[in-house]
Protein backbone atom coordinates (compact mmCIF):
# COMPACT_ATOMS: atom_id res chain seq x y z
CA MET A 1 -0.15 0.08 -0.18
CA ILE A 2 1.07 3.41 -1.05
CA GLY A 3 1.13 5.92 1.62
CA ARG A 4 3.01 9.07 0.13
CA LEU A 5 4.48 9.62 -3.04
CA ARG A 6 6.98 11.97 -3.92
CA GLY A 7 8.33 12.85 -7.57
CA LYS A 8 7.81 15.33 -10.68
CA VAL A 9 4.40 16.65 -11.96
CA ALA A 10 4.69 14.88 -16.03
CA LYS A 11 0.77 15.56 -16.83
CA ARG A 12 -2.04 16.97 -14.73
CA ASP A 13 -5.59 17.16 -15.99
CA PRO A 14 -8.83 17.93 -13.20
CA ALA A 15 -9.37 14.44 -12.66
CA GLU A 16 -6.10 13.15 -12.63
CA VAL A 17 -2.09 13.45 -12.60
CA ILE A 18 1.02 11.51 -13.31
CA VAL A 19 3.64 11.52 -10.80
CA ASP A 20 6.88 10.99 -12.35
CA VAL A 21 8.66 8.65 -9.61
CA ASN A 22 12.50 7.72 -11.25
CA GLY A 23 11.01 7.57 -14.63
CA VAL A 24 8.08 5.50 -13.38
CA GLY A 25 4.98 7.17 -14.06
CA TYR A 26 2.25 7.29 -11.77
CA ARG A 27 -1.56 7.72 -12.75
CA VAL A 28 -3.18 8.63 -9.15
CA PHE A 29 -6.67 10.27 -9.22
CA ILE A 30 -7.42 13.30 -7.28
CA PRO A 31 -10.37 15.79 -6.83
CA LEU A 32 -10.93 18.85 -7.92
CA SER A 33 -9.67 20.96 -4.85
CA THR A 34 -5.71 19.29 -5.19
CA TYR A 35 -6.02 19.77 -8.84
CA TYR A 36 -6.35 23.81 -8.61
CA ARG A 37 -3.15 23.96 -6.17
CA LEU A 38 -0.95 21.89 -8.18
CA PRO A 39 2.37 23.04 -9.16
CA GLU A 40 3.30 23.04 -13.07
CA GLU A 41 4.25 20.02 -15.08
CA GLY A 42 7.95 19.71 -14.52
CA THR A 43 8.08 20.38 -10.45
CA GLU A 44 8.39 18.10 -7.88
CA ILE A 45 5.13 17.30 -6.09
CA LEU A 46 4.00 14.94 -2.48
CA LEU A 47 0.93 13.67 -2.50
CA HIS A 48 -0.56 11.36 0.36
CA THR A 49 -2.31 8.63 -1.20
CA ALA A 50 -4.60 6.08 -0.92
CA THR A 51 -4.70 2.42 -2.72
CA HIS A 52 -7.34 1.11 -3.59
CA VAL A 53 -7.50 -2.40 -4.75
CA ARG A 54 -9.95 -4.22 -6.97
CA ASP A 55 -9.96 -7.73 -8.93
CA ASP A 56 -9.40 -5.64 -12.36
CA ALA A 57 -7.83 -2.47 -10.69
CA TRP A 58 -5.30 -1.31 -8.86
CA ASN A 59 -5.99 2.89 -8.19
CA LEU A 60 -4.35 5.56 -6.08
CA TYR A 61 -6.34 8.77 -5.22
CA GLY A 62 -3.86 11.30 -4.08
CA PHE A 63 -4.33 14.77 -1.88
CA LEU A 64 -2.18 17.96 -0.88
CA THR A 65 -3.31 17.34 2.65
CA GLU A 66 -3.48 14.58 4.66
CA LEU A 67 -6.92 16.56 5.87
CA GLU A 68 -8.34 15.55 2.52
CA ARG A 69 -7.03 11.82 2.73
CA SER A 70 -8.89 11.33 5.31
CA ILE A 71 -11.99 12.30 4.85
CA PHE A 72 -11.42 10.69 1.43
CA ASN A 73 -11.35 7.38 3.46
CA LEU A 74 -14.13 8.31 5.90
CA LEU A 75 -16.40 8.91 2.76
CA ARG A 76 -15.38 5.93 0.99
CA GLY A 77 -16.14 3.60 3.97
CA VAL A 78 -19.78 4.97 4.13
CA SER A 79 -22.63 2.82 2.78
CA GLY A 80 -23.22 3.35 -1.23
CA ILE A 81 -19.90 5.89 -1.81
CA GLY A 82 -16.53 4.19 -3.22
CA PRO A 83 -13.40 6.10 -3.79
CA ARG A 84 -14.76 7.37 -7.24
CA LEU A 85 -17.85 9.30 -5.49
CA ALA A 86 -15.82 10.50 -2.65
CA ILE A 87 -13.15 12.22 -5.15
CA ASN A 88 -16.16 13.70 -6.83
CA ILE A 89 -17.18 15.11 -3.22
CA LEU A 90 -14.50 16.19 -2.32
CA SER A 91 -14.45 18.31 -5.94
CA GLY A 92 -17.66 20.20 -5.19
CA ILE A 93 -16.93 20.86 -0.71
CA THR A 94 -13.84 21.22 0.59
CA ALA A 95 -12.41 19.21 3.44
CA GLU A 96 -12.43 22.20 5.99
CA GLU A 97 -16.04 23.21 4.87
CA MET A 98 -17.06 19.91 4.89
CA ILE A 99 -16.28 18.12 8.86
CA PRO A 100 -18.42 21.03 9.92
CA ALA A 101 -21.40 20.38 8.30
CA ILE A 102 -21.73 16.75 8.46
CA SER A 103 -21.26 18.26 12.32
CA ARG A 104 -24.13 19.89 12.21
CA GLY A 105 -25.81 17.58 10.36
CA ASP A 106 -25.84 20.22 7.95
CA LEU A 107 -27.91 18.28 5.17
CA LEU A 108 -28.89 21.31 2.85
CA ARG A 109 -25.33 22.64 2.47
CA LEU A 110 -24.08 18.47 1.73
CA SER A 111 -26.90 17.80 -0.78
CA THR A 112 -26.03 21.07 -2.92
CA ILE A 113 -22.67 18.87 -3.78
CA PRO A 114 -23.19 17.78 -7.51
CA GLY A 115 -23.73 13.98 -7.26
CA VAL A 116 -25.20 13.57 -3.54
CA GLY A 117 -28.40 13.40 -2.88
CA ARG A 118 -31.11 13.44 -0.15
CA LYS A 119 -30.59 10.28 0.48
CA THR A 120 -26.91 10.15 0.19
CA SER A 121 -26.40 13.16 2.54
CA GLU A 122 -28.35 11.46 5.18
CA ARG A 123 -25.93 8.51 5.13
CA ILE A 124 -22.65 10.47 5.59
CA ILE A 125 -24.16 12.32 8.59
CA LEU A 126 -25.64 9.11 10.24
CA GLU A 127 -22.41 7.01 9.40
CA LEU A 128 -19.51 9.93 10.02
CA LYS A 129 -20.93 13.17 12.72
CA GLU A 130 -18.68 10.79 15.45
CA LYS A 131 -16.26 9.96 13.54
CA VAL A 132 -15.31 13.48 12.11
CA GLY A 133 -15.64 15.06 15.70
CA LEU A 134 -12.10 13.73 16.13
CA LEU A 135 -11.25 16.08 13.16
CA LEU A 136 -13.30 19.32 13.94
CA GLU A 137 -11.38 21.17 16.44
CA PRO A 138 -8.30 21.65 14.27
CA VAL A 139 -10.69 22.55 11.39
CA GLU A 140 -12.66 25.08 13.11
CA ALA A 141 -9.66 26.38 14.36
CA ALA A 142 -8.21 27.05 10.77
CA VAL A 143 -11.94 28.19 9.65
CA SER A 144 -13.13 31.71 11.18
CA ASP A 145 -16.57 31.61 10.49
CA PRO A 146 -17.87 28.40 8.62
CA ASP A 147 -21.85 29.48 8.28
CA ARG A 148 -20.20 32.81 6.64
CA ARG A 149 -18.45 31.24 3.99
CA GLU A 150 -20.90 28.54 3.32
CA GLY A 151 -23.35 31.35 3.06
CA VAL A 152 -20.70 33.52 0.39
CA LEU A 153 -20.28 30.12 -1.79
CA GLN A 154 -23.94 29.20 -1.80
CA ASP A 155 -24.44 33.34 -3.05
CA VAL A 156 -21.75 32.72 -4.98
CA VAL A 157 -22.89 29.10 -6.94
CA SER A 158 -26.15 31.63 -6.96
CA ALA A 159 -24.71 34.04 -8.87
CA LEU A 160 -23.50 32.20 -11.53
CA LEU A 161 -26.35 30.23 -12.03
CA ASN A 162 -27.95 33.91 -13.15
CA LEU A 163 -25.39 34.38 -15.36
CA GLY A 164 -25.90 31.26 -17.22
CA TYR A 165 -23.71 28.63 -16.15
CA SER A 166 -24.33 25.51 -15.19
CA ARG A 167 -24.58 24.49 -11.33
CA ALA A 168 -21.65 21.42 -11.74
CA ALA A 169 -19.19 24.60 -13.49
CA ALA A 170 -21.12 26.94 -11.15
CA SER A 171 -20.12 25.02 -7.60
CA LYS A 172 -16.73 23.81 -9.45
CA ALA A 173 -15.69 27.46 -9.84
CA ALA A 174 -17.29 28.97 -6.83
CA ALA A 175 -15.48 26.12 -4.41
CA SER A 176 -12.22 26.60 -6.06
CA ALA A 177 -11.98 30.59 -5.79
CA ALA A 178 -12.96 29.92 -2.47
CA GLN A 179 -9.80 28.70 -1.60
CA ARG A 180 -7.64 31.50 -3.28
CA VAL A 181 -9.61 34.49 -1.69
CA ASP A 182 -8.41 34.67 1.72
CA GLY A 183 -11.10 33.89 4.32
CA GLY A 184 -13.39 32.69 1.36
CA GLU A 185 -15.89 35.33 3.56
CA ASP A 186 -15.74 38.21 0.65
CA PHE A 187 -18.64 37.64 -1.98
CA GLU A 188 -17.09 40.09 -4.78
CA ALA A 189 -13.93 38.62 -4.34
CA VAL A 190 -15.02 35.02 -4.37
CA VAL A 191 -17.45 36.29 -7.90
CA LYS A 192 -14.57 37.78 -8.97
CA GLN A 193 -12.15 34.60 -8.81
CA ALA A 194 -14.76 32.42 -10.06
CA LEU A 195 -15.26 34.12 -13.19
CA ARG A 196 -11.21 34.28 -13.56
CA VAL A 197 -11.78 30.83 -13.05
CA LEU A 198 -14.90 29.93 -16.05
CA ALA A 199 -12.73 32.35 -18.05
CA GLY A 200 -9.45 30.19 -18.10
CA GLN A 201 -12.00 26.99 -18.03
CA ALA A 202 -13.16 28.61 -21.74
CA LYS A 203 -9.64 29.61 -22.70
CA GLY A 204 -8.38 25.85 -22.22
């Protein structure tokens, strides 16, 4: 089982990164939260990894922080959630936001994550509420006002929807922008950053 992977970024896209370790290219699946913070190709990187083995596949999932990996491992232990869905969930909400949301039993916030409906949100809260308590204290110290930040994020998504963007694109851009703006609590700054993200995607 591979727990960490250090090497150079050989190729990257929103779903995966190829890490060159002494000439061997490891294909690692990643959430958008990791993709947006990846360095340029050719730059050294350290990923915290989780391994998933099936009869027909041996897959690596990578994260820039141990907290993301911890949440990923908790999520894939929930009934009906496999590694791919766990990665998608972390693409729609940061680990720092998800832990307080689960702890508060915030069905509304979890249900807004692309690919996650009410029933899945209920299972996540039921099965993980006590487990995330161990991770909650350091996260609360890092996030000054989770309620305000989540409110701003939802307002930004709403604004982007009104501009004609799809919910999936709006959610991803808003999450990325919130990570890039200090605190993620300034609506104007976050929405401007989200528009830059979307503009960059259109050029690509």
